[in-house]
Structures are given as structure tokens and as C-alpha cells.
């Protein structure tokens, strides 16, 4: 299955399994259509911990990941946790 075919939920699950992703960022299509969207535009650029939902700043509605509505074109990007990356790096270097 290619990344394009995976759902956002599957992608987040894969990120968690990697052990170095500590957060996620909500990204919109950033075009005139989405700028009129009362759901997605306020979430644009918002960051959340990998296991926590995004909380809409106006409505308080919680979203684990896109899509937030029918026709939603938003996606997530991972945020690496450098402490986790460093730990994995040192674990690799210190293997016998």
C-alpha cells in the first residue's frame, strides 16, 4: 500500500511505531477555498502531541486527524522529537 492510499489514521500509527515522532502538524491546502472553511482554516499550522487530538480554537471540537469533513483536503506532517531521536541514536552506538 502506498502512502497516498493510507488513511491519516494509518499514517499516524506508522509514525508512532517509528518511535521518533513526538507530534503532528495540521496542514490545509492553503488556498482561497480553504480560507473560507470555518473548520479547517483555524486548524492550519496547529501542532499537537502524537497521542493527543487537535482542539479547534473556536468550537473546542476535537480532531485526531483529517479529514474533518466531507471534501476535506487537509493532511498531517510529522514533528520529530529530538530527544527520542537522540536516544535511538545513542542506543545504536552503544550496542555490543
PDB file of N, CA and C in Angstrom:
ATOM      1  N   UNK A   1       0.852  -1.179   0.000  1.00  0.00           N
ATOM      2  CA  UNK A   1       0.000   0.000   0.000  1.00  0.00           C
ATOM      3  C   UNK A   1       0.899   1.242   0.000  1.00  0.00           C
ATOM      4  N   UNK A   2       0.650   2.169  -0.908  1.00  0.00           N
ATOM      5  CA  UNK A   2       1.452   3.384  -0.956  1.00  0.00           C
ATOM      6  C   UNK A   2       0.958   4.370   0.093  1.00  0.00           C
ATOM      7  N   UNK A   3       1.799   5.356   0.399  1.00  0.00           N
ATOM      8  CA  UNK A   3       1.420   6.364   1.394  1.00  0.00           C
ATOM      9  C   UNK A   3       0.166   7.092   0.968  1.00  0.00           C
ATOM     10  N   UNK A   4      -0.004   7.339  -0.319  1.00  0.00           N
ATOM     11  CA  UNK A   4      -1.190   8.044  -0.805  1.00  0.00           C
ATOM     12  C   UNK A   4      -2.461   7.259  -0.532  1.00  0.00           C
ATOM     13  N   UNK A   5      -2.359   5.942  -0.463  1.00  0.00           N
ATOM     14  CA  UNK A   5      -3.532   5.105  -0.251  1.00  0.00           C
ATOM     15  C   UNK A   5      -3.870   4.940   1.227  1.00  0.00           C
ATOM     16  N   UNK A   6      -2.940   5.255   2.083  1.00  0.00           N
ATOM     17  CA  UNK A   6      -3.173   5.088   3.514  1.00  0.00           C
ATOM     18  C   UNK A   6      -4.062   6.206   4.044  1.00  0.00           C
ATOM     19  N   UNK A   7      -4.833   5.878   5.050  1.00  0.00           N
ATOM     20  CA  UNK A   7      -5.620   6.909   5.712  1.00  0.00           C
ATOM     21  C   UNK A   7      -4.715   7.674   6.671  1.00  0.00           C
ATOM     22  N   UNK A   8      -5.149   8.848   7.084  1.00  0.00           N
ATOM     23  CA  UNK A   8      -4.368   9.627   8.044  1.00  0.00           C
ATOM     24  C   UNK A   8      -4.180   8.853   9.346  1.00  0.00           C
ATOM     25  N   UNK A   9      -5.187   8.083   9.759  1.00  0.00           N
ATOM     26  CA  UNK A   9      -5.066   7.289  10.991  1.00  0.00           C
ATOM     27  C   UNK A   9      -3.951   6.254  10.865  1.00  0.00           C
ATOM     28  N   UNK A  10      -3.853   5.609   9.719  1.00  0.00           N
ATOM     29  CA  UNK A  10      -2.794   4.615   9.497  1.00  0.00           C
ATOM     30  C   UNK A  10      -1.417   5.273   9.490  1.00  0.00           C
ATOM     31  N   UNK A  11      -1.348   6.465   8.917  1.00  0.00           N
ATOM     32  CA  UNK A  11      -0.082   7.180   8.862  1.00  0.00           C
ATOM     33  C   UNK A  11       0.388   7.533  10.267  1.00  0.00           C
ATOM     34  N   UNK A  12      -0.519   8.033  11.095  1.00  0.00           N
ATOM     35  CA  UNK A  12      -0.153   8.378  12.481  1.00  0.00           C
ATOM     36  C   UNK A  12       0.301   7.127  13.227  1.00  0.00           C
ATOM     37  N   UNK A  13      -0.381   6.018  13.002  1.00  0.00           N
ATOM     38  CA  UNK A  13       0.014   4.755  13.648  1.00  0.00           C
ATOM     39  C   UNK A  13       1.435   4.365  13.224  1.00  0.00           C
ATOM     40  N   UNK A  14       1.751   4.524  11.947  1.00  0.00           N
ATOM     41  CA  UNK A  14       3.101   4.236  11.453  1.00  0.00           C
ATOM     42  C   UNK A  14       4.129   5.161  12.105  1.00  0.00           C
ATOM     43  N   UNK A  15       3.791   6.433  12.244  1.00  0.00           N
ATOM     44  CA  UNK A  15       4.710   7.383  12.879  1.00  0.00           C
ATOM     45  C   UNK A  15       5.012   6.963  14.309  1.00  0.00           C
ATOM     46  N   UNK A  16       3.963   6.559  15.035  1.00  0.00           N
ATOM     47  CA  UNK A  16       4.160   6.128  16.425  1.00  0.00           C
ATOM     48  C   UNK A  16       5.110   4.938  16.488  1.00  0.00           C
ATOM     49  N   UNK A  17       4.955   4.014  15.548  1.00  0.00           N
ATOM     50  CA  UNK A  17       5.781   2.804  15.529  1.00  0.00           C
ATOM     51  C   UNK A  17       7.258   3.131  15.291  1.00  0.00           C
ATOM     52  N   UNK A  18       7.546   4.220  14.608  1.00  0.00           N
ATOM     53  CA  UNK A  18       8.938   4.599  14.335  1.00  0.00           C
ATOM     54  C   UNK A  18       9.662   5.017  15.612  1.00  0.00           C
ATOM     55  N   UNK A  19       8.905   5.514  16.591  1.00  0.00           N
ATOM     56  CA  UNK A  19       9.493   5.855  17.871  1.00  0.00           C
ATOM     57  C   UNK A  19      10.244   7.170  17.932  1.00  0.00           C
ATOM     58  N   UNK A  20      10.204   7.977  16.895  1.00  0.00           N
ATOM     59  CA  UNK A  20      10.914   9.259  16.918  1.00  0.00           C
ATOM     60  C   UNK A  20       9.990  10.443  16.636  1.00  0.00           C
ATOM     61  N   UNK A  21       8.728  10.175  16.376  1.00  0.00           N
ATOM     62  CA  UNK A  21       7.771  11.233  16.076  1.00  0.00           C
ATOM     63  C   UNK A  21       7.006  11.564  17.351  1.00  0.00           C
ATOM     64  N   UNK A  22       7.144  12.788  17.806  1.00  0.00           N
ATOM     65  CA  UNK A  22       6.501  13.193  19.045  1.00  0.00           C
ATOM     66  C   UNK A  22       5.246  14.019  18.846  1.00  0.00           C
ATOM     67  N   UNK A  23       5.058  14.528  17.627  1.00  0.00           N
ATOM     68  CA  UNK A  23       3.904  15.383  17.380  1.00  0.00           C
ATOM     69  C   UNK A  23       3.460  15.346  15.941  1.00  0.00           C
ATOM     70  N   UNK A  24       2.411  16.130  15.673  1.00  0.00           N
ATOM     71  CA  UNK A  24       1.844  16.205  14.329  1.00  0.00           C
ATOM     72  C   UNK A  24       1.378  17.629  14.076  1.00  0.00           C
ATOM     73  N   UNK A  25       1.423  18.046  12.822  1.00  0.00           N
ATOM     74  CA  UNK A  25       1.008  19.394  12.433  1.00  0.00           C
ATOM     75  C   UNK A  25      -0.115  19.290  11.397  1.00  0.00           C
ATOM     76  N   UNK A  26      -1.171  20.076  11.604  1.00  0.00           N
ATOM     77  CA  UNK A  26      -2.319  20.110  10.687  1.00  0.00           C
ATOM     78  C   UNK A  26      -1.988  21.077   9.550  1.00  0.00           C
ATOM     79  N   UNK A  27      -2.138  20.613   8.314  1.00  0.00           N
ATOM     80  CA  UNK A  27      -1.865  21.435   7.143  1.00  0.00           C
ATOM     81  C   UNK A  27      -3.076  21.472   6.229  1.00  0.00           C
ATOM     82  N   UNK A  28      -3.433  22.658   5.790  1.00  0.00           N
ATOM     83  CA  UNK A  28      -4.519  22.797   4.829  1.00  0.00           C
ATOM     84  C   UNK A  28      -3.936  22.932   3.427  1.00  0.00           C
ATOM     85  N   UNK A  29      -4.816  23.000   2.442  1.00  0.00           N
ATOM     86  CA  UNK A  29      -4.393  23.236   1.060  1.00  0.00           C
ATOM     87  C   UNK A  29      -3.949  24.691   0.882  1.00  0.00           C
ATOM     88  N   UNK A  30      -4.258  25.547   1.865  1.00  0.00           N
ATOM     89  CA  UNK A  30      -3.821  26.945   1.878  1.00  0.00           C
ATOM     90  C   UNK A  30      -4.206  27.688   0.598  1.00  0.00           C
ATOM     91  N   UNK A  31      -5.451  27.555   0.207  1.00  0.00           N
ATOM     92  CA  UNK A  31      -5.942  28.236  -0.980  1.00  0.00           C
ATOM     93  C   UNK A  31      -7.229  29.003  -0.642  1.00  0.00           C
ATOM     94  N   UNK A  32      -7.781  29.777  -1.585  1.00  0.00           N
ATOM     95  CA  UNK A  32      -8.983  30.566  -1.283  1.00  0.00           C
ATOM     96  C   UNK A  32     -10.168  29.734  -0.792  1.00  0.00           C
ATOM     97  N   UNK A  33     -10.269  28.504  -1.249  1.00  0.00           N
ATOM     98  CA  UNK A  33     -11.392  27.657  -0.821  1.00  0.00           C
ATOM     99  C   UNK A  33     -11.272  27.342   0.667  1.00  0.00           C
ATOM    100  N   UNK A  34     -10.094  26.903   1.091  1.00  0.00           N
ATOM    101  CA  UNK A  34      -9.929  26.501   2.492  1.00  0.00           C
ATOM    102  C   UNK A  34      -9.933  27.719   3.426  1.00  0.00           C
ATOM    103  N   UNK A  35      -9.554  28.862   2.919  1.00  0.00           N
ATOM    104  CA  UNK A  35      -9.567  30.063   3.770  1.00  0.00           C
ATOM    105  C   UNK A  35     -10.979  30.442   4.194  1.00  0.00           C
ATOM    106  N   UNK A  36     -11.978  29.914   3.484  1.00  0.00           N
ATOM    107  CA  UNK A  36     -13.380  30.153   3.838  1.00  0.00           C
ATOM    108  C   UNK A  36     -13.942  29.043   4.726  1.00  0.00           C
ATOM    109  N   UNK A  37     -13.159  27.983   4.933  1.00  0.00           N
ATOM    110  CA  UNK A  37     -13.624  26.843   5.725  1.00  0.00           C
ATOM    111  C   UNK A  37     -13.500  27.154   7.211  1.00  0.00           C
ATOM    112  N   UNK A  38     -14.628  27.186   7.887  1.00  0.00           N
ATOM    113  CA  UNK A  38     -14.635  27.515   9.320  1.00  0.00           C
ATOM    114  C   UNK A  38     -14.077  26.386  10.182  1.00  0.00           C
ATOM    115  N   UNK A  39     -13.975  25.193   9.612  1.00  0.00           N
ATOM    116  CA  UNK A  39     -13.402  24.067  10.363  1.00  0.00           C
ATOM    117  C   UNK A  39     -11.888  24.030  10.186  1.00  0.00           C
ATOM    118  N   UNK A  40     -11.434  23.975   8.948  1.00  0.00           N
ATOM    119  CA  UNK A  40     -10.017  23.711   8.688  1.00  0.00           C
ATOM    120  C   UNK A  40      -9.095  24.922   8.812  1.00  0.00           C
ATOM    121  N   UNK A  41      -9.545  26.085   8.360  1.00  0.00           N
ATOM    122  CA  UNK A  41      -8.628  27.221   8.352  1.00  0.00           C
ATOM    123  C   UNK A  41      -8.091  27.541   9.748  1.00  0.00           C
ATOM    124  N   UNK A  42      -8.918  27.531  10.803  1.00  0.00           N
ATOM    125  CA  UNK A  42      -8.361  27.802  12.140  1.00  0.00           C
ATOM    126  C   UNK A  42      -7.393  26.720  12.637  1.00  0.00           C
ATOM    127  N   UNK A  43      -7.458  25.518  12.062  1.00  0.00           N
ATOM    128  CA  UNK A  43      -6.558  24.430  12.461  1.00  0.00           C
ATOM    129  C   UNK A  43      -5.225  24.483  11.721  1.00  0.00           C
ATOM    130  N   UNK A  44      -5.152  25.248  10.648  1.00  0.00           N
ATOM    131  CA  UNK A  44      -3.957  25.292   9.807  1.00  0.00           C
ATOM    132  C   UNK A  44      -2.713  25.660  10.615  1.00  0.00           C
ATOM    133  N   UNK A  45      -1.704  24.789  10.566  1.00  0.00           N
ATOM    134  CA  UNK A  45      -0.447  25.022  11.269  1.00  0.00           C
ATOM    135  C   UNK A  45      -0.466  24.639  12.736  1.00  0.00           C
ATOM    136  N   UNK A  46      -1.612  24.216  13.245  1.00  0.00           N
ATOM    137  CA  UNK A  46      -1.709  23.836  14.646  1.00  0.00           C
ATOM    138  C   UNK A  46      -0.903  22.561  14.886  1.00  0.00           C
ATOM    139  N   UNK A  47      -0.265  22.490  16.053  1.00  0.00           N
ATOM    140  CA  UNK A  47       0.517  21.310  16.414  1.00  0.00           C
ATOM    141  C   UNK A  47      -0.104  20.633  17.629  1.00  0.00           C
ATOM    142  N   UNK A  48       0.018  19.310  17.657  1.00  0.00           N
ATOM    143  CA  UNK A  48      -0.473  18.517  18.788  1.00  0.00           C
ATOM    144  C   UNK A  48       0.496  17.375  19.026  1.00  0.00           C
ATOM    145  N   UNK A  49       0.548  16.895  20.265  1.00  0.00           N
ATOM    146  CA  UNK A  49       1.350  15.705  20.552  1.00  0.00           C
ATOM    147  C   UNK A  49       0.760  14.533  19.784  1.00  0.00           C
ATOM    148  N   UNK A  50       1.584  13.556  19.496  1.00  0.00           N
ATOM    149  CA  UNK A  50       1.181  12.442  18.637  1.00  0.00           C
ATOM    150  C   UNK A  50      -0.045  11.701  19.166  1.00  0.00           C
ATOM    151  N   UNK A  51      -0.213  11.607  20.479  1.00  0.00           N
ATOM    152  CA  UNK A  51      -1.339  10.878  21.066  1.00  0.00           C
ATOM    153  C   UNK A  51      -2.495  11.782  21.489  1.00  0.00           C
ATOM    154  N   UNK A  52      -2.417  13.061  21.161  1.00  0.00           N
ATOM    155  CA  UNK A  52      -3.463  13.993  21.576  1.00  0.00           C
ATOM    156  C   UNK A  52      -4.190  14.569  20.364  1.00  0.00           C
ATOM    157  N   UNK A  53      -5.459  14.926  20.536  1.00  0.00           N
ATOM    158  CA  UNK A  53      -6.208  15.493  19.412  1.00  0.00           C
ATOM    159  C   UNK A  53      -5.877  16.974  19.205  1.00  0.00           C
ATOM    160  N   UNK A  54      -6.218  17.457  18.029  1.00  0.00           N
ATOM    161  CA  UNK A  54      -6.203  18.892  17.765  1.00  0.00           C
ATOM    162  C   UNK A  54      -7.497  19.439  18.344  1.00  0.00           C
ATOM    163  N   UNK A  55      -7.434  20.563  19.010  1.00  0.00           N
ATOM    164  CA  UNK A  55      -8.630  21.180  19.581  1.00  0.00           C
ATOM    165  C   UNK A  55      -8.894  22.469  18.809  1.00  0.00           C
ATOM    166  N   UNK A  56     -10.060  22.517  18.160  1.00  0.00           N
ATOM    167  CA  UNK A  56     -10.426  23.690  17.362  1.00  0.00           C
ATOM    168  C   UNK A  56     -10.464  24.914  18.268  1.00  0.00           C
ATOM    169  N   UNK A  57      -9.754  25.998  17.887  1.00  0.00           N
ATOM    170  CA  UNK A  57      -9.661  27.159  18.770  1.00  0.00           C
ATOM    171  C   UNK A  57     -10.963  27.939  18.957  1.00  0.00           C
ATOM    172  N   UNK A  58     -11.934  27.732  18.076  1.00  0.00           N
ATOM    173  CA  UNK A  58     -13.202  28.454  18.182  1.00  0.00           C
ATOM    174  C   UNK A  58     -14.289  27.582  18.792  1.00  0.00           C
ATOM    175  N   UNK A  59     -14.435  26.366  18.259  1.00  0.00           N
ATOM    176  CA  UNK A  59     -15.544  25.498  18.672  1.00  0.00           C
ATOM    177  C   UNK A  59     -15.193  24.547  19.816  1.00  0.00           C
ATOM    178  N   UNK A  60     -13.897  24.292  20.010  1.00  0.00           N
ATOM    179  CA  UNK A  60     -13.477  23.324  21.017  1.00  0.00           C
ATOM    180  C   UNK A  60     -13.610  21.882  20.548  1.00  0.00           C
ATOM    181  N   UNK A  61     -14.090  21.688  19.324  1.00  0.00           N
ATOM    182  CA  UNK A  61     -14.224  20.343  18.745  1.00  0.00           C
ATOM    183  C   UNK A  61     -12.838  19.702  18.662  1.00  0.00           C
ATOM    184  N   UNK A  62     -12.790  18.382  18.889  1.00  0.00           N
ATOM    185  CA  UNK A  62     -11.514  17.661  18.861  1.00  0.00           C
ATOM    186  C   UNK A  62     -11.424  16.807  17.601  1.00  0.00           C
ATOM    187  N   UNK A  63     -10.255  16.838  16.985  1.00  0.00           N
ATOM    188  CA  UNK A  63      -9.981  16.062  15.774  1.00  0.00           C
ATOM    189  C   UNK A  63      -8.649  15.338  15.957  1.00  0.00           C
ATOM    190  N   UNK A  64      -8.646  14.031  15.763  1.00  0.00           N
ATOM    191  CA  UNK A  64      -7.397  13.284  15.836  1.00  0.00           C
ATOM    192  C   UNK A  64      -6.547  13.512  14.591  1.00  0.00           C
ATOM    193  N   UNK A  65      -7.218  13.671  13.465  1.00  0.00           N
ATOM    194  CA  UNK A  65      -6.543  13.829  12.174  1.00  0.00           C
ATOM    195  C   UNK A  65      -7.582  14.196  11.118  1.00  0.00           C
ATOM    196  N   UNK A  66      -7.120  14.702   9.961  1.00  0.00           N
ATOM    197  CA  UNK A  66      -8.053  14.923   8.846  1.00  0.00           C
ATOM    198  C   UNK A  66      -8.545  13.574   8.320  1.00  0.00           C
ATOM    199  N   UNK A  67      -9.629  13.517   7.616  1.00  0.00           N
ATOM    200  CA  UNK A  67     -10.474  14.632   7.199  1.00  0.00           C
ATOM    201  C   UNK A  67     -11.410  15.086   8.321  1.00  0.00           C
ATOM    202  N   UNK A  68     -11.621  16.391   8.375  1.00  0.00           N
ATOM    203  CA  UNK A  68     -12.503  16.966   9.384  1.00  0.00           C
ATOM    204  C   UNK A  68     -13.941  17.052   8.885  1.00  0.00           C
ATOM    205  N   UNK A  69     -14.132  16.887   7.578  1.00  0.00           N
ATOM    206  CA  UNK A  69     -15.466  16.971   6.965  1.00  0.00           C
ATOM    207  C   UNK A  69     -15.386  16.389   5.559  1.00  0.00           C
ATOM    208  N   UNK A  70     -16.529  16.164   4.933  1.00  0.00           N
ATOM    209  CA  UNK A  70     -16.554  15.681   3.547  1.00  0.00           C
ATOM    210  C   UNK A  70     -15.839  16.690   2.656  1.00  0.00           C
ATOM    211  N   UNK A  71     -14.991  16.195   1.789  1.00  0.00           N
ATOM    212  CA  UNK A  71     -14.261  17.061   0.869  1.00  0.00           C
ATOM    213  C   UNK A  71     -13.026  17.710   1.480  1.00  0.00           C
ATOM    214  N   UNK A  72     -12.698  17.354   2.697  1.00  0.00           N
ATOM    215  CA  UNK A  72     -11.526  17.922   3.375  1.00  0.00           C
ATOM    216  C   UNK A  72     -10.258  17.512   2.619  1.00  0.00           C
ATOM    217  N   UNK A  73      -9.389  18.477   2.369  1.00  0.00           N
ATOM    218  CA  UNK A  73      -8.140  18.219   1.651  1.00  0.00           C
ATOM    219  C   UNK A  73      -6.921  18.397   2.544  1.00  0.00           C
ATOM    220  N   UNK A  74      -7.132  18.438   3.841  1.00  0.00           N
ATOM    221  CA  UNK A  74      -6.033  18.642   4.784  1.00  0.00           C
ATOM    222  C   UNK A  74      -5.195  17.371   4.947  1.00  0.00           C
ATOM    223  N   UNK A  75      -4.007  17.563   5.468  1.00  0.00           N
ATOM    224  CA  UNK A  75      -3.124  16.431   5.753  1.00  0.00           C
ATOM    225  C   UNK A  75      -2.281  16.769   6.974  1.00  0.00           C
ATOM    226  N   UNK A  76      -1.570  15.797   7.463  1.00  0.00           N
ATOM    227  CA  UNK A  76      -0.688  15.977   8.610  1.00  0.00           C
ATOM    228  C   UNK A  76       0.764  15.878   8.179  1.00  0.00           C
ATOM    229  N   UNK A  77       1.630  16.538   8.932  1.00  0.00           N
ATOM    230  CA  UNK A  77       3.064  16.324   8.787  1.00  0.00           C
ATOM    231  C   UNK A  77       3.606  15.960  10.171  1.00  0.00           C
ATOM    232  N   UNK A  78       4.613  15.099  10.206  1.00  0.00           N
ATOM    233  CA  UNK A  78       5.172  14.673  11.487  1.00  0.00           C
ATOM    234  C   UNK A  78       6.095  15.720  12.089  1.00  0.00           C
ATOM    235  N   UNK A  79       6.170  15.721  13.408  1.00  0.00           N
ATOM    236  CA  UNK A  79       7.120  16.563  14.131  1.00  0.00           C
ATOM    237  C   UNK A  79       8.027  15.619  14.911  1.00  0.00           C
ATOM    238  N   UNK A  80       9.298  15.625  14.554  1.00  0.00           N
ATOM    239  CA  UNK A  80      10.242  14.734  15.223  1.00  0.00           C
ATOM    240  C   UNK A  80      10.533  15.214  16.631  1.00  0.00           C
ATOM    241  N   UNK A  81      10.657  14.283  17.549  1.00  0.00           N
ATOM    242  CA  UNK A  81      11.052  14.565  18.926  1.00  0.00           C
ATOM    243  C   UNK A  81      12.549  14.288  19.008  1.00  0.00           C
ATOM    244  N   UNK A  82      13.336  15.339  19.071  1.00  0.00           N
ATOM    245  CA  UNK A  82      14.787  15.168  19.017  1.00  0.00           C
ATOM    246  C   UNK A  82      15.343  14.402  20.212  1.00  0.00           C
ATOM    247  N   UNK A  83      14.651  14.424  21.341  1.00  0.00           N
ATOM    248  CA  UNK A  83      15.093  13.601  22.481  1.00  0.00           C
ATOM    249  C   UNK A  83      14.966  12.119  22.139  1.00  0.00           C
ATOM    250  N   UNK A  84      13.861  11.752  21.473  1.00  0.00           N
ATOM    251  CA  UNK A  84      13.675  10.356  21.064  1.00  0.00           C
ATOM    252  C   UNK A  84      14.690   9.960  19.993  1.00  0.00           C
ATOM    253  N   UNK A  85      14.953  10.869  19.064  1.00  0.00           N
ATOM    254  CA  UNK A  85      15.944  10.600  18.013  1.00  0.00           C
ATOM    255  C   UNK A  85      17.311  10.384  18.648  1.00  0.00           C
ATOM    256  N   UNK A  86      17.683  11.266  19.567  1.00  0.00           N
ATOM    257  CA  UNK A  86      18.980  11.172  20.234  1.00  0.00           C
ATOM    258  C   UNK A  86      19.109   9.855  21.001  1.00  0.00           C
ATOM    259  N   UNK A  87      18.050   9.479  21.707  1.00  0.00           N
ATOM    260  CA  UNK A  87      18.067   8.221  22.470  1.00  0.00           C
ATOM    261  C   UNK A  87      18.280   7.032  21.538  1.00  0.00           C
ATOM    262  N   UNK A  88      17.548   7.001  20.420  1.00  0.00           N
ATOM    263  CA  UNK A  88      17.716   5.884  19.483  1.00  0.00           C
ATOM    264  C   UNK A  88      19.125   5.873  18.904  1.00  0.00           C
ATOM    265  N   UNK A  89      19.645   7.048  18.600  1.00  0.00           N
ATOM    266  CA  UNK A  89      20.997   7.154  18.059  1.00  0.00           C
ATOM    267  C   UNK A  89      22.014   6.573  19.037  1.00  0.00           C
ATOM    268  N   UNK A  90      21.916   6.993  20.320  1.00  0.00           N
ATOM    269  CA  UNK A  90      22.866   6.504  21.311  1.00  0.00           C
ATOM    270  C   UNK A  90      22.674   5.015  21.602  1.00  0.00           C
ATOM    271  N   UNK A  91      21.443   4.543  21.535  1.00  0.00           N
ATOM    272  CA  UNK A  91      21.193   3.099  21.701  1.00  0.00           C
ATOM    273  C   UNK A  91      21.882   2.313  20.602  1.00  0.00           C
ATOM    274  N   UNK A  92      21.865   2.830  19.381  1.00  0.00           N
ATOM    275  CA  UNK A  92      22.521   2.142  18.256  1.00  0.00           C
ATOM    276  C   UNK A  92      24.044   2.151  18.450  1.00  0.00           C
ATOM    277  N   UNK A  93      24.574   3.294  18.845  1.00  0.00           N
ATOM    278  CA  UNK A  93      26.032   3.396  19.032  1.00  0.00           C
ATOM    279  C   UNK A  93      26.530   2.518  20.175  1.00  0.00           C
ATOM    280  N   UNK A  94      25.731   2.326  21.195  1.00  0.00           N
ATOM    281  CA  UNK A  94      26.163   1.591  22.378  1.00  0.00           C
ATOM    282  C   UNK A  94      25.822   0.096  22.338  1.00  0.00           C
ATOM    283  N   UNK A  95      25.339  -0.396  21.194  1.00  0.00           N
ATOM    284  CA  UNK A  95      25.080  -1.837  21.097  1.00  0.00           C
ATOM    285  C   UNK A  95      26.404  -2.583  21.115  1.00  0.00           C
ATOM    286  N   UNK A  96      26.384  -3.732  21.733  1.00  0.00           N
ATOM    287  CA  UNK A  96      27.617  -4.554  21.809  1.00  0.00           C
ATOM    288  C   UNK A  96      27.954  -5.170  20.488  1.00  0.00           C
TER     289      UNK A  96
END
